[in-house]
Amino acid sequence: MDRINGAFGQFRVLVGMDADDELGLEQDQDLSFMDEFNRSCTLSRKQRLYGFAACLLLGFFCSILSMLVFLHPVKFAVTFTFGNLLYLGSTCFLVGPMQQLKMMLDPVRLVATIVYLGSIVLALVSALYLRFLLLAFIGVVVEVLALIWYSLSYVPFARAGVKRLFNRCMEMEI
Protein backbone atom coordinates (compact mmCIF):
# COMPACT_ATOMS: atom_id res chain seq x y z
CA MET A 1 0.00 0.00 0.00
CA ASP A 2 2.91 2.34 0.78
CA ARG A 3 4.31 1.78 -2.70
CA ILE A 4 0.99 2.77 -4.27
CA ASN A 5 0.78 5.91 -2.11
CA GLY A 6 4.37 6.73 -3.07
CA ALA A 7 3.59 6.28 -6.76
CA PHE A 8 0.52 8.50 -6.48
CA GLY A 9 2.61 11.08 -4.62
CA GLN A 10 5.21 11.09 -7.39
CA PHE A 11 2.46 11.39 -10.01
CA ARG A 12 0.94 14.38 -8.17
CA VAL A 13 4.34 16.09 -8.11
CA LEU A 14 4.79 15.45 -11.85
CA VAL A 15 1.46 17.06 -12.73
CA GLY A 16 2.16 20.08 -10.53
CA MET A 17 0.13 19.19 -7.46
CA ASP A 18 1.52 19.05 -3.96
CA ALA A 19 2.09 15.44 -2.94
CA ASP A 20 0.66 16.13 0.54
CA ASP A 21 -2.60 17.81 -0.57
CA GLU A 22 -4.94 15.01 0.48
CA LEU A 23 -3.11 13.69 3.53
CA GLY A 24 -5.01 15.78 6.03
CA LEU A 25 -4.32 18.34 8.72
CA GLU A 26 -2.61 16.06 11.24
CA GLN A 27 0.52 15.91 9.08
CA ASP A 28 0.61 19.73 8.86
CA GLN A 29 1.01 19.86 12.62
CA ASP A 30 4.05 17.55 12.46
CA LEU A 31 5.99 19.77 10.04
CA SER A 32 9.12 21.44 11.32
CA PHE A 33 9.67 25.16 10.99
CA MET A 34 11.91 24.76 7.93
CA ASP A 35 9.39 22.46 6.22
CA GLU A 36 6.65 25.00 6.84
CA PHE A 37 8.88 27.83 5.62
CA ASN A 38 9.82 25.93 2.44
CA ARG A 39 6.19 25.11 1.76
CA SER A 40 5.12 28.73 2.06
CA CYS A 41 7.96 30.04 -0.13
CA THR A 42 7.38 27.98 -3.23
CA LEU A 43 7.18 29.83 -6.52
CA SER A 44 5.30 28.89 -9.65
CA ARG A 45 7.20 28.22 -12.85
CA LYS A 46 6.12 31.60 -14.22
CA GLN A 47 7.31 33.41 -11.07
CA ARG A 48 10.65 31.59 -11.26
CA LEU A 49 11.11 32.65 -14.88
CA TYR A 50 10.22 36.25 -14.02
CA GLY A 51 12.70 36.24 -11.14
CA PHE A 52 15.37 34.70 -13.35
CA ALA A 53 14.79 37.26 -16.09
CA ALA A 54 14.76 40.18 -13.64
CA CYS A 55 18.02 39.14 -11.96
CA LEU A 56 19.64 38.42 -15.30
CA LEU A 57 18.64 41.81 -16.72
CA LEU A 58 19.70 43.65 -13.56
CA GLY A 59 23.02 41.81 -13.63
CA PHE A 60 23.50 42.76 -17.27
CA PHE A 61 22.61 46.37 -16.45
CA CYS A 62 25.16 46.43 -13.61
CA SER A 63 27.81 44.95 -15.89
CA ILE A 64 27.16 47.60 -18.56
CA LEU A 65 27.09 50.31 -15.89
CA SER A 66 30.43 49.07 -14.54
CA MET A 67 31.98 49.55 -17.98
CA LEU A 68 30.77 53.15 -17.98
CA VAL A 69 32.50 53.85 -14.65
CA PHE A 70 35.67 51.96 -15.56
CA LEU A 71 37.84 54.99 -14.78
CA HIS A 72 36.55 55.01 -11.19
CA PRO A 73 37.91 51.68 -9.93
CA VAL A 74 35.90 51.57 -6.70
CA LYS A 75 32.60 52.09 -8.49
CA PHE A 76 33.70 49.68 -11.20
CA ALA A 77 34.57 46.88 -8.76
CA VAL A 78 31.36 47.29 -6.77
CA THR A 79 28.96 47.43 -9.74
CA PHE A 80 30.72 44.65 -11.63
CA THR A 81 30.75 42.37 -8.59
CA PHE A 82 27.12 43.17 -7.80
CA GLY A 83 26.24 42.30 -11.41
CA ASN A 84 28.01 38.95 -11.06
CA LEU A 85 26.16 38.22 -7.83
CA LEU A 86 22.89 38.99 -9.61
CA TYR A 87 23.87 36.58 -12.41
CA LEU A 88 24.52 33.91 -9.80
CA GLY A 89 21.25 34.75 -8.04
CA SER A 90 19.32 34.43 -11.28
CA THR A 91 20.11 30.73 -11.47
CA CYS A 92 18.79 30.32 -7.93
CA PHE A 93 15.36 31.14 -9.30
CA LEU A 94 15.61 28.33 -11.81
CA VAL A 95 16.92 25.52 -9.62
CA GLY A 96 16.34 26.87 -6.11
CA PRO A 97 18.89 28.16 -3.61
CA MET A 98 19.59 24.81 -1.91
CA GLN A 99 20.09 23.00 -5.21
CA GLN A 100 22.30 25.86 -6.42
CA LEU A 101 24.40 25.56 -3.26
CA LYS A 102 24.66 21.78 -3.71
CA MET A 103 25.74 22.23 -7.31
CA MET A 104 28.30 24.87 -6.34
CA LEU A 105 29.77 22.57 -3.69
CA ASP A 106 29.93 19.62 -6.08
CA PRO A 107 33.56 18.37 -6.20
CA VAL A 108 33.76 19.23 -9.91
CA ARG A 109 32.96 22.89 -9.21
CA LEU A 110 34.31 23.32 -5.69
CA VAL A 111 37.65 24.89 -6.62
CA ALA A 112 36.03 27.25 -9.13
CA THR A 113 33.41 28.21 -6.53
CA ILE A 114 36.01 28.94 -3.87
CA VAL A 115 38.13 30.99 -6.28
CA TYR A 116 35.03 32.83 -7.54
CA LEU A 117 33.71 33.70 -4.08
CA GLY A 118 37.21 34.54 -2.86
CA SER A 119 37.78 36.89 -5.79
CA ILE A 120 34.46 38.60 -5.06
CA VAL A 121 35.58 39.20 -1.48
CA LEU A 122 39.02 40.31 -2.68
CA ALA A 123 37.57 42.78 -5.17
CA LEU A 124 35.12 44.28 -2.69
CA VAL A 125 37.53 44.47 0.26
CA SER A 126 40.36 45.93 -1.82
CA ALA A 127 38.03 48.46 -3.48
CA LEU A 128 35.94 49.54 -0.51
CA TYR A 129 38.17 49.04 2.51
CA LEU A 130 41.79 49.03 1.35
CA ARG A 131 41.30 51.39 -1.61
CA PHE A 132 44.04 49.43 -3.40
CA LEU A 133 42.90 49.78 -6.99
CA LEU A 134 45.34 47.38 -8.66
CA LEU A 135 44.31 44.60 -6.26
CA ALA A 136 40.63 45.37 -6.94
CA PHE A 137 41.23 45.10 -10.68
CA ILE A 138 43.09 41.80 -10.21
CA GLY A 139 40.16 40.56 -8.13
CA VAL A 140 37.73 41.47 -10.92
CA VAL A 141 39.86 39.71 -13.56
CA VAL A 142 40.12 36.57 -11.42
CA GLU A 143 36.37 36.84 -10.78
CA VAL A 144 35.64 36.79 -14.52
CA LEU A 145 38.01 33.89 -15.19
CA ALA A 146 36.60 31.87 -12.27
CA LEU A 147 33.03 32.55 -13.42
CA ILE A 148 33.89 31.36 -16.93
CA TRP A 149 35.56 28.22 -15.55
CA TYR A 150 32.60 27.62 -13.23
CA SER A 151 30.13 28.04 -16.10
CA LEU A 152 32.10 25.67 -18.32
CA SER A 153 31.63 22.92 -15.74
CA TYR A 154 27.95 22.72 -16.74
CA VAL A 155 28.76 22.01 -20.41
CA PRO A 156 29.87 18.43 -21.03
CA PHE A 157 33.54 18.21 -22.06
CA ALA A 158 33.87 22.01 -22.23
CA ARG A 159 36.65 22.22 -19.65
CA ALA A 160 38.61 19.47 -21.37
CA GLY A 161 38.23 21.28 -24.69
CA VAL A 162 39.41 24.58 -23.22
CA LYS A 163 42.39 22.86 -21.61
CA ARG A 164 43.31 21.23 -24.92
CA LEU A 165 42.96 24.54 -26.77
CA PHE A 166 45.07 26.34 -24.18
CA ASN A 167 47.77 23.66 -24.36
CA ARG A 168 47.86 23.88 -28.16
CA CYS A 169 48.17 27.66 -28.00
CA MET A 170 51.04 27.35 -25.53
CA GLU A 171 52.85 24.84 -27.78
CA MET A 172 52.66 27.08 -30.86
CA GLU A 173 55.79 28.81 -31.97
CA ILE A 174 55.56 32.37 -33.18
C-alpha atoms as a PDB file:
ATOM      1  CA  MET A   1       0.000   0.000   0.000  1.00  0.00           C
ATOM      2  CA  ASP A   2       2.911   2.339   0.775  1.00  0.00           C
ATOM      3  CA  ARG A   3       4.314   1.779  -2.703  1.00  0.00           C
ATOM      4  CA  ILE A   4       0.992   2.765  -4.265  1.00  0.00           C
ATOM      5  CA  ASN A   5       0.778   5.905  -2.113  1.00  0.00           C
ATOM      6  CA  GLY A   6       4.365   6.733  -3.069  1.00  0.00           C
ATOM      7  CA  ALA A   7       3.587   6.276  -6.761  1.00  0.00           C
ATOM      8  CA  PHE A   8       0.522   8.504  -6.480  1.00  0.00           C
ATOM      9  CA  GLY A   9       2.609  11.076  -4.624  1.00  0.00           C
ATOM     10  CA  GLN A  10       5.207  11.086  -7.392  1.00  0.00           C
ATOM     11  CA  PHE A  11       2.462  11.393 -10.010  1.00  0.00           C
ATOM     12  CA  ARG A  12       0.943  14.378  -8.166  1.00  0.00           C
ATOM     13  CA  VAL A  13       4.336  16.093  -8.114  1.00  0.00           C
ATOM     14  CA  LEU A  14       4.792  15.450 -11.850  1.00  0.00           C
ATOM     15  CA  VAL A  15       1.465  17.061 -12.728  1.00  0.00           C
ATOM     16  CA  GLY A  16       2.159  20.080 -10.528  1.00  0.00           C
ATOM     17  CA  MET A  17       0.131  19.190  -7.461  1.00  0.00           C
ATOM     18  CA  ASP A  18       1.521  19.052  -3.963  1.00  0.00           C
ATOM     19  CA  ALA A  19       2.089  15.437  -2.941  1.00  0.00           C
ATOM     20  CA  ASP A  20       0.660  16.128   0.540  1.00  0.00           C
ATOM     21  CA  ASP A  21      -2.599  17.813  -0.566  1.00  0.00           C
ATOM     22  CA  GLU A  22      -4.940  15.007   0.476  1.00  0.00           C
ATOM     23  CA  LEU A  23      -3.112  13.689   3.528  1.00  0.00           C
ATOM     24  CA  GLY A  24      -5.006  15.781   6.029  1.00  0.00           C
ATOM     25  CA  LEU A  25      -4.316  18.343   8.717  1.00  0.00           C
ATOM     26  CA  GLU A  26      -2.610  16.059  11.237  1.00  0.00           C
ATOM     27  CA  GLN A  27       0.521  15.905   9.078  1.00  0.00           C
ATOM     28  CA  ASP A  28       0.609  19.728   8.859  1.00  0.00           C
ATOM     29  CA  GLN A  29       1.009  19.865  12.616  1.00  0.00           C
ATOM     30  CA  ASP A  30       4.051  17.549  12.464  1.00  0.00           C
ATOM     31  CA  LEU A  31       5.986  19.765  10.039  1.00  0.00           C
ATOM     32  CA  SER A  32       9.120  21.440  11.320  1.00  0.00           C
ATOM     33  CA  PHE A  33       9.668  25.163  10.989  1.00  0.00           C
ATOM     34  CA  MET A  34      11.908  24.756   7.926  1.00  0.00           C
ATOM     35  CA  ASP A  35       9.389  22.457   6.222  1.00  0.00           C
ATOM     36  CA  GLU A  36       6.647  25.002   6.839  1.00  0.00           C
ATOM     37  CA  PHE A  37       8.876  27.826   5.622  1.00  0.00           C
ATOM     38  CA  ASN A  38       9.818  25.933   2.443  1.00  0.00           C
ATOM     39  CA  ARG A  39       6.190  25.111   1.756  1.00  0.00           C
ATOM     40  CA  SER A  40       5.123  28.730   2.055  1.00  0.00           C
ATOM     41  CA  CYS A  41       7.965  30.039  -0.128  1.00  0.00           C
ATOM     42  CA  THR A  42       7.375  27.980  -3.233  1.00  0.00           C
ATOM     43  CA  LEU A  43       7.176  29.829  -6.521  1.00  0.00           C
ATOM     44  CA  SER A  44       5.297  28.887  -9.646  1.00  0.00           C
ATOM     45  CA  ARG A  45       7.196  28.219 -12.854  1.00  0.00           C
ATOM     46  CA  LYS A  46       6.119  31.596 -14.217  1.00  0.00           C
ATOM     47  CA  GLN A  47       7.309  33.412 -11.068  1.00  0.00           C
ATOM     48  CA  ARG A  48      10.648  31.592 -11.263  1.00  0.00           C
ATOM     49  CA  LEU A  49      11.107  32.647 -14.882  1.00  0.00           C
ATOM     50  CA  TYR A  50      10.219  36.246 -14.018  1.00  0.00           C
ATOM     51  CA  GLY A  51      12.703  36.237 -11.138  1.00  0.00           C
ATOM     52  CA  PHE A  52      15.370  34.698 -13.355  1.00  0.00           C
ATOM     53  CA  ALA A  53      14.795  37.263 -16.092  1.00  0.00           C
ATOM     54  CA  ALA A  54      14.757  40.181 -13.642  1.00  0.00           C
ATOM     55  CA  CYS A  55      18.016  39.141 -11.959  1.00  0.00           C
ATOM     56  CA  LEU A  56      19.645  38.424 -15.298  1.00  0.00           C
ATOM     57  CA  LEU A  57      18.637  41.815 -16.722  1.00  0.00           C
ATOM     58  CA  LEU A  58      19.696  43.652 -13.559  1.00  0.00           C
ATOM     59  CA  GLY A  59      23.023  41.808 -13.629  1.00  0.00           C
ATOM     60  CA  PHE A  60      23.503  42.760 -17.270  1.00  0.00           C
ATOM     61  CA  PHE A  61      22.609  46.370 -16.453  1.00  0.00           C
ATOM     62  CA  CYS A  62      25.159  46.433 -13.615  1.00  0.00           C
ATOM     63  CA  SER A  63      27.812  44.953 -15.895  1.00  0.00           C
ATOM     64  CA  ILE A  64      27.161  47.604 -18.559  1.00  0.00           C
ATOM     65  CA  LEU A  65      27.092  50.307 -15.888  1.00  0.00           C
ATOM     66  CA  SER A  66      30.429  49.073 -14.543  1.00  0.00           C
ATOM     67  CA  MET A  67      31.977  49.548 -17.976  1.00  0.00           C
ATOM     68  CA  LEU A  68      30.768  53.150 -17.982  1.00  0.00           C
ATOM     69  CA  VAL A  69      32.496  53.847 -14.651  1.00  0.00           C
ATOM     70  CA  PHE A  70      35.668  51.958 -15.558  1.00  0.00           C
ATOM     71  CA  LEU A  71      37.840  54.990 -14.784  1.00  0.00           C
ATOM     72  CA  HIS A  72      36.550  55.007 -11.192  1.00  0.00           C
ATOM     73  CA  PRO A  73      37.910  51.685  -9.934  1.00  0.00           C
ATOM     74  CA  VAL A  74      35.897  51.571  -6.695  1.00  0.00           C
ATOM     75  CA  LYS A  75      32.600  52.092  -8.487  1.00  0.00           C
ATOM     76  CA  PHE A  76      33.695  49.676 -11.196  1.00  0.00           C
ATOM     77  CA  ALA A  77      34.566  46.881  -8.762  1.00  0.00           C
ATOM     78  CA  VAL A  78      31.358  47.288  -6.772  1.00  0.00           C
ATOM     79  CA  THR A  79      28.964  47.433  -9.745  1.00  0.00           C
ATOM     80  CA  PHE A  80      30.721  44.648 -11.632  1.00  0.00           C
ATOM     81  CA  THR A  81      30.752  42.373  -8.590  1.00  0.00           C
ATOM     82  CA  PHE A  82      27.117  43.170  -7.797  1.00  0.00           C
ATOM     83  CA  GLY A  83      26.243  42.298 -11.410  1.00  0.00           C
ATOM     84  CA  ASN A  84      28.009  38.951 -11.057  1.00  0.00           C
ATOM     85  CA  LEU A  85      26.156  38.220  -7.830  1.00  0.00           C
ATOM     86  CA  LEU A  86      22.887  38.985  -9.614  1.00  0.00           C
ATOM     87  CA  TYR A  87      23.871  36.584 -12.405  1.00  0.00           C
ATOM     88  CA  LEU A  88      24.523  33.911  -9.803  1.00  0.00           C
ATOM     89  CA  GLY A  89      21.254  34.755  -8.036  1.00  0.00           C
ATOM     90  CA  SER A  90      19.318  34.429 -11.276  1.00  0.00           C
ATOM     91  CA  THR A  91      20.113  30.735 -11.470  1.00  0.00           C
ATOM     92  CA  CYS A  92      18.791  30.323  -7.929  1.00  0.00           C
ATOM     93  CA  PHE A  93      15.356  31.143  -9.299  1.00  0.00           C
ATOM     94  CA  LEU A  94      15.612  28.325 -11.815  1.00  0.00           C
ATOM     95  CA  VAL A  95      16.922  25.521  -9.615  1.00  0.00           C
ATOM     96  CA  GLY A  96      16.344  26.874  -6.108  1.00  0.00           C
ATOM     97  CA  PRO A  97      18.886  28.155  -3.607  1.00  0.00           C
ATOM     98  CA  MET A  98      19.586  24.812  -1.913  1.00  0.00           C
ATOM     99  CA  GLN A  99      20.085  23.000  -5.211  1.00  0.00           C
ATOM    100  CA  GLN A 100      22.304  25.863  -6.419  1.00  0.00           C
ATOM    101  CA  LEU A 101      24.396  25.558  -3.263  1.00  0.00           C
ATOM    102  CA  LYS A 102      24.656  21.781  -3.706  1.00  0.00           C
ATOM    103  CA  MET A 103      25.737  22.234  -7.314  1.00  0.00           C
ATOM    104  CA  MET A 104      28.300  24.873  -6.343  1.00  0.00           C
ATOM    105  CA  LEU A 105      29.765  22.568  -3.695  1.00  0.00           C
ATOM    106  CA  ASP A 106      29.933  19.622  -6.085  1.00  0.00           C
ATOM    107  CA  PRO A 107      33.557  18.373  -6.197  1.00  0.00           C
ATOM    108  CA  VAL A 108      33.764  19.226  -9.911  1.00  0.00           C
ATOM    109  CA  ARG A 109      32.955  22.894  -9.210  1.00  0.00           C
ATOM    110  CA  LEU A 110      34.308  23.321  -5.687  1.00  0.00           C
ATOM    111  CA  VAL A 111      37.651  24.887  -6.619  1.00  0.00           C
ATOM    112  CA  ALA A 112      36.029  27.247  -9.129  1.00  0.00           C
ATOM    113  CA  THR A 113      33.410  28.206  -6.527  1.00  0.00           C
ATOM    114  CA  ILE A 114      36.015  28.938  -3.872  1.00  0.00           C
ATOM    115  CA  VAL A 115      38.129  30.988  -6.281  1.00  0.00           C
ATOM    116  CA  TYR A 116      35.034  32.826  -7.541  1.00  0.00           C
ATOM    117  CA  LEU A 117      33.709  33.702  -4.081  1.00  0.00           C
ATOM    118  CA  GLY A 118      37.210  34.545  -2.862  1.00  0.00           C
ATOM    119  CA  SER A 119      37.777  36.888  -5.792  1.00  0.00           C
ATOM    120  CA  ILE A 120      34.460  38.599  -5.062  1.00  0.00           C
ATOM    121  CA  VAL A 121      35.577  39.198  -1.479  1.00  0.00           C
ATOM    122  CA  LEU A 122      39.021  40.310  -2.678  1.00  0.00           C
ATOM    123  CA  ALA A 123      37.572  42.777  -5.173  1.00  0.00           C
ATOM    124  CA  LEU A 124      35.121  44.278  -2.694  1.00  0.00           C
ATOM    125  CA  VAL A 125      37.529  44.472   0.256  1.00  0.00           C
ATOM    126  CA  SER A 126      40.357  45.932  -1.820  1.00  0.00           C
ATOM    127  CA  ALA A 127      38.033  48.458  -3.484  1.00  0.00           C
ATOM    128  CA  LEU A 128      35.939  49.541  -0.505  1.00  0.00           C
ATOM    129  CA  TYR A 129      38.171  49.044   2.507  1.00  0.00           C
ATOM    130  CA  LEU A 130      41.791  49.028   1.350  1.00  0.00           C
ATOM    131  CA  ARG A 131      41.304  51.390  -1.611  1.00  0.00           C
ATOM    132  CA  PHE A 132      44.041  49.430  -3.401  1.00  0.00           C
ATOM    133  CA  LEU A 133      42.896  49.775  -6.993  1.00  0.00           C
ATOM    134  CA  LEU A 134      45.336  47.376  -8.655  1.00  0.00           C
ATOM    135  CA  LEU A 135      44.310  44.605  -6.264  1.00  0.00           C
ATOM    136  CA  ALA A 136      40.632  45.371  -6.936  1.00  0.00           C
ATOM    137  CA  PHE A 137      41.233  45.100 -10.676  1.00  0.00           C
ATOM    138  CA  ILE A 138      43.092  41.799 -10.212  1.00  0.00           C
ATOM    139  CA  GLY A 139      40.161  40.562  -8.130  1.00  0.00           C
ATOM    140  CA  VAL A 140      37.733  41.468 -10.917  1.00  0.00           C
ATOM    141  CA  VAL A 141      39.860  39.712 -13.562  1.00  0.00           C
ATOM    142  CA  VAL A 142      40.119  36.569 -11.420  1.00  0.00           C
ATOM    143  CA  GLU A 143      36.375  36.842 -10.779  1.00  0.00           C
ATOM    144  CA  VAL A 144      35.640  36.794 -14.519  1.00  0.00           C
ATOM    145  CA  LEU A 145      38.010  33.891 -15.187  1.00  0.00           C
ATOM    146  CA  ALA A 146      36.602  31.870 -12.273  1.00  0.00           C
ATOM    147  CA  LEU A 147      33.033  32.548 -13.418  1.00  0.00           C
ATOM    148  CA  ILE A 148      33.891  31.360 -16.930  1.00  0.00           C
ATOM    149  CA  TRP A 149      35.562  28.219 -15.552  1.00  0.00           C
ATOM    150  CA  TYR A 150      32.600  27.616 -13.228  1.00  0.00           C
ATOM    151  CA  SER A 151      30.134  28.037 -16.098  1.00  0.00           C
ATOM    152  CA  LEU A 152      32.098  25.670 -18.322  1.00  0.00           C
ATOM    153  CA  SER A 153      31.628  22.924 -15.743  1.00  0.00           C
ATOM    154  CA  TYR A 154      27.955  22.715 -16.740  1.00  0.00           C
ATOM    155  CA  VAL A 155      28.757  22.008 -20.407  1.00  0.00           C
ATOM    156  CA  PRO A 156      29.870  18.427 -21.031  1.00  0.00           C
ATOM    157  CA  PHE A 157      33.541  18.208 -22.055  1.00  0.00           C
ATOM    158  CA  ALA A 158      33.871  22.014 -22.227  1.00  0.00           C
ATOM    159  CA  ARG A 159      36.647  22.223 -19.649  1.00  0.00           C
ATOM    160  CA  ALA A 160      38.613  19.471 -21.372  1.00  0.00           C
ATOM    161  CA  GLY A 161      38.227  21.278 -24.689  1.00  0.00           C
ATOM    162  CA  VAL A 162      39.408  24.579 -23.225  1.00  0.00           C
ATOM    163  CA  LYS A 163      42.392  22.855 -21.606  1.00  0.00           C
ATOM    164  CA  ARG A 164      43.314  21.235 -24.917  1.00  0.00           C
ATOM    165  CA  LEU A 165      42.959  24.539 -26.771  1.00  0.00           C
ATOM    166  CA  PHE A 166      45.075  26.342 -24.183  1.00  0.00           C
ATOM    167  CA  ASN A 167      47.774  23.659 -24.356  1.00  0.00           C
ATOM    168  CA  ARG A 168      47.861  23.879 -28.157  1.00  0.00           C
ATOM    169  CA  CYS A 169      48.171  27.656 -28.002  1.00  0.00           C
ATOM    170  CA  MET A 170      51.043  27.352 -25.528  1.00  0.00           C
ATOM    171  CA  GLU A 171      52.848  24.838 -27.776  1.00  0.00           C
ATOM    172  CA  MET A 172      52.660  27.078 -30.862  1.00  0.00           C
ATOM    173  CA  GLU A 173      55.786  28.814 -31.972  1.00  0.00           C
ATOM    174  CA  ILE A 174      55.564  32.365 -33.182  1.00  0.00           C
END
